[in-house]
């Protein structure tokens, strides 16, 4: 299972032809919330999100105290989408047994990215060090 640290990167959607290249993939700015504190805070108190947020590890989410509806994608250990839902503020999402990671974005964004059940995504972490 992938392990990340809190930080930034990009989510790569599509272009999964196995060649190692992007092959027309969509690249989305990504905030990574891997610590307990960052996962608990998530998108709470925000009016918008630029790109997506990855909560890892995570099997469910809630939207209590959120100001906006969000799209939620549940990912398995291979970063394959197993469910996508739009959640309004004040909702509790059902736990997904095979979910290891959760992506959150502004409502409607994931459909535009082509993120749906069965799609595999890639997470590319931004290095804080030049040349790495």
N, C-alpha and C. Protein backbone atom coordinates (compact mmCIF):
# COMPACT_ATOMS: atom_id res chain seq x y z
N UNK A 1 0.85 -1.17 0.00
CA UNK A 1 0.00 0.00 0.00
C UNK A 1 0.89 1.24 0.00
N UNK A 2 0.53 2.22 -0.80
CA UNK A 2 1.28 3.46 -0.88
C UNK A 2 1.19 4.23 0.43
N UNK A 3 2.30 4.88 0.79
CA UNK A 3 2.35 5.72 1.98
C UNK A 3 2.87 7.08 1.57
N UNK A 4 2.13 8.11 1.94
CA UNK A 4 2.54 9.46 1.60
C UNK A 4 2.68 10.28 2.86
N UNK A 5 3.24 11.47 2.71
CA UNK A 5 3.30 12.47 3.77
C UNK A 5 2.43 13.64 3.35
N UNK A 6 2.03 14.45 4.33
CA UNK A 6 1.27 15.67 4.01
C UNK A 6 2.08 16.50 3.03
N UNK A 7 1.41 17.05 2.04
CA UNK A 7 2.12 17.89 1.08
C UNK A 7 1.32 18.08 -0.19
N UNK A 8 2.04 18.26 -1.28
CA UNK A 8 1.44 18.59 -2.56
C UNK A 8 1.96 17.67 -3.65
N UNK A 9 1.20 17.60 -4.70
CA UNK A 9 1.59 16.81 -5.85
C UNK A 9 0.58 17.02 -6.95
N UNK A 10 0.45 15.99 -7.76
CA UNK A 10 -0.58 16.05 -8.80
C UNK A 10 -1.21 14.68 -8.96
N UNK A 11 -2.47 14.73 -9.32
CA UNK A 11 -3.25 13.53 -9.60
C UNK A 11 -3.27 13.37 -11.11
N UNK A 12 -2.89 12.20 -11.59
CA UNK A 12 -2.90 11.93 -13.02
C UNK A 12 -4.07 10.99 -13.31
N UNK A 13 -4.98 11.47 -14.15
CA UNK A 13 -6.19 10.72 -14.50
C UNK A 13 -6.13 10.38 -15.97
N UNK A 14 -6.30 9.10 -16.30
CA UNK A 14 -6.29 8.68 -17.70
C UNK A 14 -4.88 8.50 -18.22
N UNK A 15 -4.78 8.13 -19.48
CA UNK A 15 -3.47 7.93 -20.09
C UNK A 15 -2.77 6.69 -19.59
N UNK A 16 -3.52 5.79 -18.93
CA UNK A 16 -2.93 4.58 -18.37
C UNK A 16 -2.71 3.51 -19.41
N UNK A 17 -1.82 3.77 -20.36
CA UNK A 17 -1.57 2.80 -21.42
C UNK A 17 -0.43 1.86 -21.08
N UNK A 18 0.17 2.04 -19.87
CA UNK A 18 1.24 1.15 -19.45
C UNK A 18 2.59 1.51 -20.01
N UNK A 19 2.69 2.55 -20.83
CA UNK A 19 3.96 2.90 -21.46
C UNK A 19 4.84 3.77 -20.58
N UNK A 20 4.28 4.26 -19.46
CA UNK A 20 5.05 5.14 -18.60
C UNK A 20 4.87 6.61 -18.96
N UNK A 21 4.35 6.88 -20.14
CA UNK A 21 4.09 8.26 -20.55
C UNK A 21 2.68 8.66 -20.13
N UNK A 22 2.39 9.95 -20.26
CA UNK A 22 1.07 10.43 -19.86
C UNK A 22 0.00 10.09 -20.90
N UNK A 23 0.36 9.97 -22.17
CA UNK A 23 -0.59 9.56 -23.20
C UNK A 23 -1.91 10.32 -23.17
N UNK A 24 -1.87 11.63 -23.03
CA UNK A 24 -3.09 12.42 -23.01
C UNK A 24 -3.76 12.48 -21.65
N UNK A 25 -3.03 12.14 -20.61
CA UNK A 25 -3.59 12.14 -19.27
C UNK A 25 -3.87 13.55 -18.78
N UNK A 26 -4.85 13.66 -17.92
CA UNK A 26 -5.20 14.92 -17.28
C UNK A 26 -4.43 15.00 -15.96
N UNK A 27 -3.81 16.15 -15.71
CA UNK A 27 -3.05 16.35 -14.48
C UNK A 27 -3.76 17.39 -13.63
N UNK A 28 -4.06 17.01 -12.39
CA UNK A 28 -4.86 17.84 -11.49
C UNK A 28 -4.02 18.17 -10.25
N UNK A 29 -3.98 19.46 -9.82
CA UNK A 29 -3.28 19.79 -8.58
C UNK A 29 -3.85 18.97 -7.42
N UNK A 30 -2.95 18.48 -6.56
CA UNK A 30 -3.36 17.57 -5.50
C UNK A 30 -2.74 17.98 -4.17
N UNK A 31 -3.58 18.06 -3.15
CA UNK A 31 -3.11 18.25 -1.78
C UNK A 31 -3.20 16.88 -1.11
N UNK A 32 -2.13 16.47 -0.44
CA UNK A 32 -2.10 15.16 0.20
C UNK A 32 -2.25 15.33 1.71
N UNK A 33 -3.24 14.66 2.28
CA UNK A 33 -3.49 14.68 3.72
C UNK A 33 -3.27 13.26 4.23
N UNK A 34 -2.07 13.01 4.78
CA UNK A 34 -1.71 11.66 5.22
C UNK A 34 -1.63 11.55 6.74
N UNK A 35 -1.41 12.64 7.44
CA UNK A 35 -1.36 12.58 8.90
C UNK A 35 -2.78 12.60 9.46
N UNK A 36 -2.92 12.13 10.67
CA UNK A 36 -4.23 12.12 11.31
C UNK A 36 -4.81 13.54 11.35
N UNK A 37 -4.00 14.50 11.72
CA UNK A 37 -4.46 15.89 11.83
C UNK A 37 -4.94 16.43 10.48
N UNK A 38 -4.17 16.21 9.43
CA UNK A 38 -4.53 16.71 8.10
C UNK A 38 -5.78 16.01 7.56
N UNK A 39 -5.89 14.70 7.79
CA UNK A 39 -7.09 13.97 7.33
C UNK A 39 -8.33 14.44 8.06
N UNK A 40 -8.19 14.69 9.37
CA UNK A 40 -9.33 15.15 10.17
C UNK A 40 -9.79 16.53 9.71
N UNK A 41 -8.87 17.40 9.39
CA UNK A 41 -9.20 18.75 8.94
C UNK A 41 -9.77 18.72 7.52
N UNK A 42 -9.14 17.96 6.63
CA UNK A 42 -9.63 17.83 5.26
C UNK A 42 -10.00 19.15 4.62
N UNK A 43 -11.19 19.23 4.07
CA UNK A 43 -11.67 20.45 3.42
C UNK A 43 -12.58 21.30 4.32
N UNK A 44 -12.63 20.96 5.60
CA UNK A 44 -13.49 21.70 6.52
C UNK A 44 -13.13 23.17 6.56
N UNK A 45 -14.16 24.01 6.49
CA UNK A 45 -13.97 25.44 6.59
C UNK A 45 -13.54 26.13 5.31
N UNK A 46 -13.37 25.39 4.25
CA UNK A 46 -12.97 25.98 2.97
C UNK A 46 -14.19 26.32 2.13
N UNK A 47 -14.03 27.35 1.31
CA UNK A 47 -15.10 27.73 0.39
C UNK A 47 -14.92 27.12 -0.99
N UNK A 48 -13.71 26.62 -1.26
CA UNK A 48 -13.44 26.01 -2.55
C UNK A 48 -12.20 25.13 -2.42
N UNK A 49 -11.96 24.36 -3.47
CA UNK A 49 -10.76 23.54 -3.52
C UNK A 49 -10.19 23.64 -4.93
N UNK A 50 -8.88 23.85 -5.00
CA UNK A 50 -8.20 23.92 -6.29
C UNK A 50 -7.66 22.53 -6.60
N UNK A 51 -8.33 21.81 -7.47
CA UNK A 51 -7.90 20.45 -7.79
C UNK A 51 -8.58 19.45 -6.88
N UNK A 52 -7.75 18.64 -6.19
CA UNK A 52 -8.29 17.57 -5.36
C UNK A 52 -7.48 17.43 -4.08
N UNK A 53 -8.06 16.72 -3.12
CA UNK A 53 -7.36 16.38 -1.89
C UNK A 53 -7.41 14.86 -1.75
N UNK A 54 -6.26 14.28 -1.42
CA UNK A 54 -6.16 12.85 -1.19
C UNK A 54 -6.06 12.61 0.31
N UNK A 55 -6.98 11.83 0.85
CA UNK A 55 -6.94 11.42 2.25
C UNK A 55 -6.44 9.98 2.28
N UNK A 56 -5.34 9.75 2.99
CA UNK A 56 -4.76 8.41 2.99
C UNK A 56 -4.06 8.13 4.31
N UNK A 57 -4.40 7.02 4.95
CA UNK A 57 -5.43 6.06 4.58
C UNK A 57 -6.81 6.57 4.97
N UNK A 58 -7.82 6.14 4.25
CA UNK A 58 -9.20 6.52 4.56
C UNK A 58 -10.16 5.56 3.87
N UNK A 59 -11.25 5.24 4.57
CA UNK A 59 -12.27 4.36 4.00
C UNK A 59 -13.64 5.00 3.94
N UNK A 60 -13.77 6.16 4.61
CA UNK A 60 -15.04 6.88 4.58
C UNK A 60 -14.78 8.34 4.92
N UNK A 61 -15.77 9.19 4.64
CA UNK A 61 -15.66 10.62 4.94
C UNK A 61 -17.02 11.15 5.39
N UNK A 62 -16.99 12.36 5.91
CA UNK A 62 -18.23 13.06 6.24
C UNK A 62 -18.11 14.49 5.74
N UNK A 63 -19.25 15.18 5.67
CA UNK A 63 -19.23 16.57 5.22
C UNK A 63 -19.84 17.50 6.27
N UNK A 64 -19.79 17.08 7.53
CA UNK A 64 -20.26 17.95 8.60
C UNK A 64 -19.37 19.18 8.67
N UNK A 65 -19.95 20.36 8.85
CA UNK A 65 -19.26 21.64 8.93
C UNK A 65 -18.60 22.05 7.61
N UNK A 66 -18.96 21.40 6.52
CA UNK A 66 -18.45 21.83 5.22
C UNK A 66 -19.33 22.92 4.66
N UNK A 67 -18.74 23.76 3.84
CA UNK A 67 -19.47 24.89 3.26
C UNK A 67 -19.94 24.63 1.83
N UNK A 68 -19.52 23.52 1.27
CA UNK A 68 -19.82 23.27 -0.14
C UNK A 68 -20.04 21.78 -0.38
N UNK A 69 -20.79 21.43 -1.41
CA UNK A 69 -20.89 20.02 -1.79
C UNK A 69 -19.57 19.57 -2.42
N UNK A 70 -19.24 18.30 -2.26
CA UNK A 70 -17.99 17.77 -2.81
C UNK A 70 -18.22 16.46 -3.54
N UNK A 71 -17.32 16.17 -4.47
CA UNK A 71 -17.24 14.84 -5.07
C UNK A 71 -16.29 14.03 -4.23
N UNK A 72 -16.60 12.76 -4.04
CA UNK A 72 -15.77 11.84 -3.27
C UNK A 72 -15.54 10.60 -4.11
N UNK A 73 -14.27 10.24 -4.28
CA UNK A 73 -13.93 9.00 -4.98
C UNK A 73 -13.18 8.09 -4.01
N UNK A 74 -13.66 6.87 -3.88
CA UNK A 74 -13.02 5.89 -3.02
C UNK A 74 -12.07 5.05 -3.88
N UNK A 75 -10.83 4.89 -3.41
CA UNK A 75 -9.81 4.18 -4.18
C UNK A 75 -9.36 2.93 -3.43
N UNK A 76 -9.08 1.87 -4.17
CA UNK A 76 -8.53 0.66 -3.55
C UNK A 76 -7.01 0.80 -3.41
N UNK A 77 -6.36 -0.24 -2.96
CA UNK A 77 -4.91 -0.18 -2.73
C UNK A 77 -4.10 0.03 -4.00
N UNK A 78 -4.69 -0.26 -5.16
CA UNK A 78 -3.98 -0.05 -6.44
C UNK A 78 -4.37 1.28 -7.10
N UNK A 79 -5.06 2.12 -6.33
CA UNK A 79 -5.50 3.44 -6.79
C UNK A 79 -6.53 3.36 -7.92
N UNK A 80 -7.33 2.31 -7.88
CA UNK A 80 -8.44 2.15 -8.83
C UNK A 80 -9.71 2.65 -8.14
N UNK A 81 -10.52 3.40 -8.87
CA UNK A 81 -11.75 3.97 -8.32
C UNK A 81 -12.77 2.85 -8.12
N UNK A 82 -13.28 2.74 -6.88
CA UNK A 82 -14.30 1.72 -6.61
C UNK A 82 -15.68 2.34 -6.41
N UNK A 83 -15.75 3.66 -6.19
CA UNK A 83 -17.04 4.35 -6.08
C UNK A 83 -16.81 5.85 -6.18
N UNK A 84 -17.78 6.56 -6.74
CA UNK A 84 -17.75 8.02 -6.81
C UNK A 84 -19.11 8.53 -6.36
N UNK A 85 -19.12 9.49 -5.46
CA UNK A 85 -20.36 10.06 -4.95
C UNK A 85 -20.22 11.58 -4.85
N UNK A 86 -21.33 12.28 -4.98
CA UNK A 86 -21.38 13.71 -4.66
C UNK A 86 -22.08 13.82 -3.33
N UNK A 87 -21.48 14.54 -2.39
CA UNK A 87 -22.04 14.67 -1.05
C UNK A 87 -22.31 16.13 -0.73
N UNK A 88 -23.51 16.41 -0.26
CA UNK A 88 -23.86 17.75 0.20
C UNK A 88 -23.32 17.93 1.62
N UNK A 89 -23.20 19.18 2.07
CA UNK A 89 -22.76 19.42 3.45
C UNK A 89 -23.70 18.73 4.45
N UNK A 90 -23.13 18.29 5.57
CA UNK A 90 -23.92 17.68 6.64
C UNK A 90 -24.23 16.21 6.45
N UNK A 91 -23.48 15.52 5.61
CA UNK A 91 -23.74 14.09 5.34
C UNK A 91 -22.62 13.20 5.89
N UNK A 92 -22.97 11.96 6.15
CA UNK A 92 -22.01 10.96 6.59
C UNK A 92 -21.93 9.90 5.50
N UNK A 93 -20.75 9.71 4.94
CA UNK A 93 -20.56 8.71 3.89
C UNK A 93 -20.45 7.32 4.48
N UNK A 94 -20.96 6.34 3.78
CA UNK A 94 -20.86 4.96 4.23
C UNK A 94 -19.43 4.46 4.05
N UNK A 95 -18.92 3.68 4.99
CA UNK A 95 -17.58 3.11 4.82
C UNK A 95 -17.56 2.16 3.62
N UNK A 96 -16.48 2.19 2.88
CA UNK A 96 -16.29 1.30 1.73
C UNK A 96 -15.25 0.26 2.14
N UNK A 97 -15.63 -1.01 2.25
CA UNK A 97 -14.71 -2.04 2.77
C UNK A 97 -13.36 -2.14 2.04
N UNK A 98 -13.33 -1.99 0.74
CA UNK A 98 -12.05 -2.12 0.01
C UNK A 98 -11.32 -0.79 -0.16
N UNK A 99 -11.91 0.29 0.35
CA UNK A 99 -11.30 1.61 0.18
C UNK A 99 -10.08 1.78 1.07
N UNK A 100 -9.00 2.25 0.48
CA UNK A 100 -7.77 2.55 1.22
C UNK A 100 -7.44 4.03 1.20
N UNK A 101 -7.97 4.74 0.20
CA UNK A 101 -7.71 6.17 0.02
C UNK A 101 -9.00 6.82 -0.47
N UNK A 102 -9.13 8.12 -0.19
CA UNK A 102 -10.30 8.87 -0.64
C UNK A 102 -9.83 10.17 -1.30
N UNK A 103 -10.39 10.47 -2.46
CA UNK A 103 -10.16 11.74 -3.13
C UNK A 103 -11.38 12.63 -2.92
N UNK A 104 -11.14 13.92 -2.66
CA UNK A 104 -12.22 14.89 -2.55
C UNK A 104 -11.94 16.03 -3.51
N UNK A 105 -13.00 16.57 -4.10
CA UNK A 105 -12.87 17.72 -5.00
C UNK A 105 -14.19 18.48 -5.00
N UNK A 106 -14.22 19.61 -5.68
CA UNK A 106 -15.47 20.37 -5.81
C UNK A 106 -16.50 19.51 -6.54
N UNK A 107 -17.74 19.64 -6.14
CA UNK A 107 -18.82 18.87 -6.78
C UNK A 107 -18.83 19.10 -8.28
N UNK A 108 -18.89 18.01 -9.04
CA UNK A 108 -18.93 18.08 -10.49
C UNK A 108 -17.57 17.96 -11.16
N UNK A 109 -16.50 18.18 -10.42
CA UNK A 109 -15.16 18.16 -11.02
C UNK A 109 -14.77 16.78 -11.52
N UNK A 110 -15.04 15.76 -10.75
CA UNK A 110 -14.58 14.41 -11.11
C UNK A 110 -15.20 13.92 -12.41
N UNK A 111 -16.45 14.25 -12.65
CA UNK A 111 -17.09 13.86 -13.91
C UNK A 111 -16.34 14.51 -15.08
N UNK A 112 -15.98 15.77 -14.92
CA UNK A 112 -15.22 16.47 -15.96
C UNK A 112 -13.84 15.89 -16.20
N UNK A 113 -13.26 15.29 -15.17
CA UNK A 113 -11.94 14.66 -15.31
C UNK A 113 -12.03 13.25 -15.87
N UNK A 114 -13.25 12.70 -15.99
CA UNK A 114 -13.41 11.33 -16.45
C UNK A 114 -13.15 10.31 -15.35
N UNK A 115 -13.25 10.75 -14.10
CA UNK A 115 -13.02 9.86 -12.97
C UNK A 115 -14.30 9.09 -12.67
N UNK A 116 -14.27 7.78 -12.89
CA UNK A 116 -15.44 6.94 -12.68
C UNK A 116 -14.97 5.56 -12.22
N UNK A 117 -15.88 4.73 -11.82
CA UNK A 117 -15.54 3.40 -11.33
C UNK A 117 -14.70 2.66 -12.36
N UNK A 118 -13.62 2.04 -11.88
CA UNK A 118 -12.73 1.26 -12.74
C UNK A 118 -11.51 2.02 -13.24
N UNK A 119 -11.55 3.35 -13.19
CA UNK A 119 -10.41 4.15 -13.65
C UNK A 119 -9.29 4.07 -12.61
N UNK A 120 -8.07 3.91 -13.07
CA UNK A 120 -6.90 3.90 -12.18
C UNK A 120 -6.23 5.26 -12.27
N UNK A 121 -5.87 5.82 -11.12
CA UNK A 121 -5.20 7.12 -11.08
C UNK A 121 -3.76 6.93 -10.61
N UNK A 122 -2.97 7.97 -10.79
CA UNK A 122 -1.59 7.97 -10.32
C UNK A 122 -1.39 9.21 -9.46
N UNK A 123 -0.62 9.07 -8.39
CA UNK A 123 -0.29 10.19 -7.53
C UNK A 123 1.19 10.49 -7.70
N UNK A 124 1.49 11.72 -8.10
CA UNK A 124 2.88 12.16 -8.24
C UNK A 124 3.14 13.22 -7.17
N UNK A 125 4.08 12.93 -6.30
CA UNK A 125 4.38 13.82 -5.19
C UNK A 125 5.39 14.87 -5.63
N UNK A 126 5.14 16.12 -5.25
CA UNK A 126 6.08 17.20 -5.51
C UNK A 126 7.20 17.12 -4.50
N UNK A 127 8.42 17.11 -4.96
CA UNK A 127 9.57 17.05 -4.06
C UNK A 127 9.91 18.44 -3.57
N UNK A 128 10.16 18.58 -2.25
CA UNK A 128 10.56 19.89 -1.74
C UNK A 128 12.00 20.24 -2.08
N UNK A 129 12.72 19.27 -2.66
CA UNK A 129 14.13 19.47 -2.97
C UNK A 129 14.33 19.52 -4.48
N UNK A 130 15.03 20.54 -4.96
CA UNK A 130 15.29 20.66 -6.40
C UNK A 130 16.16 19.50 -6.85
N UNK A 131 15.86 18.98 -8.00
CA UNK A 131 16.68 17.92 -8.59
C UNK A 131 16.34 16.52 -8.10
N UNK A 132 15.28 16.36 -7.29
CA UNK A 132 14.92 15.01 -6.86
C UNK A 132 13.57 14.64 -7.37
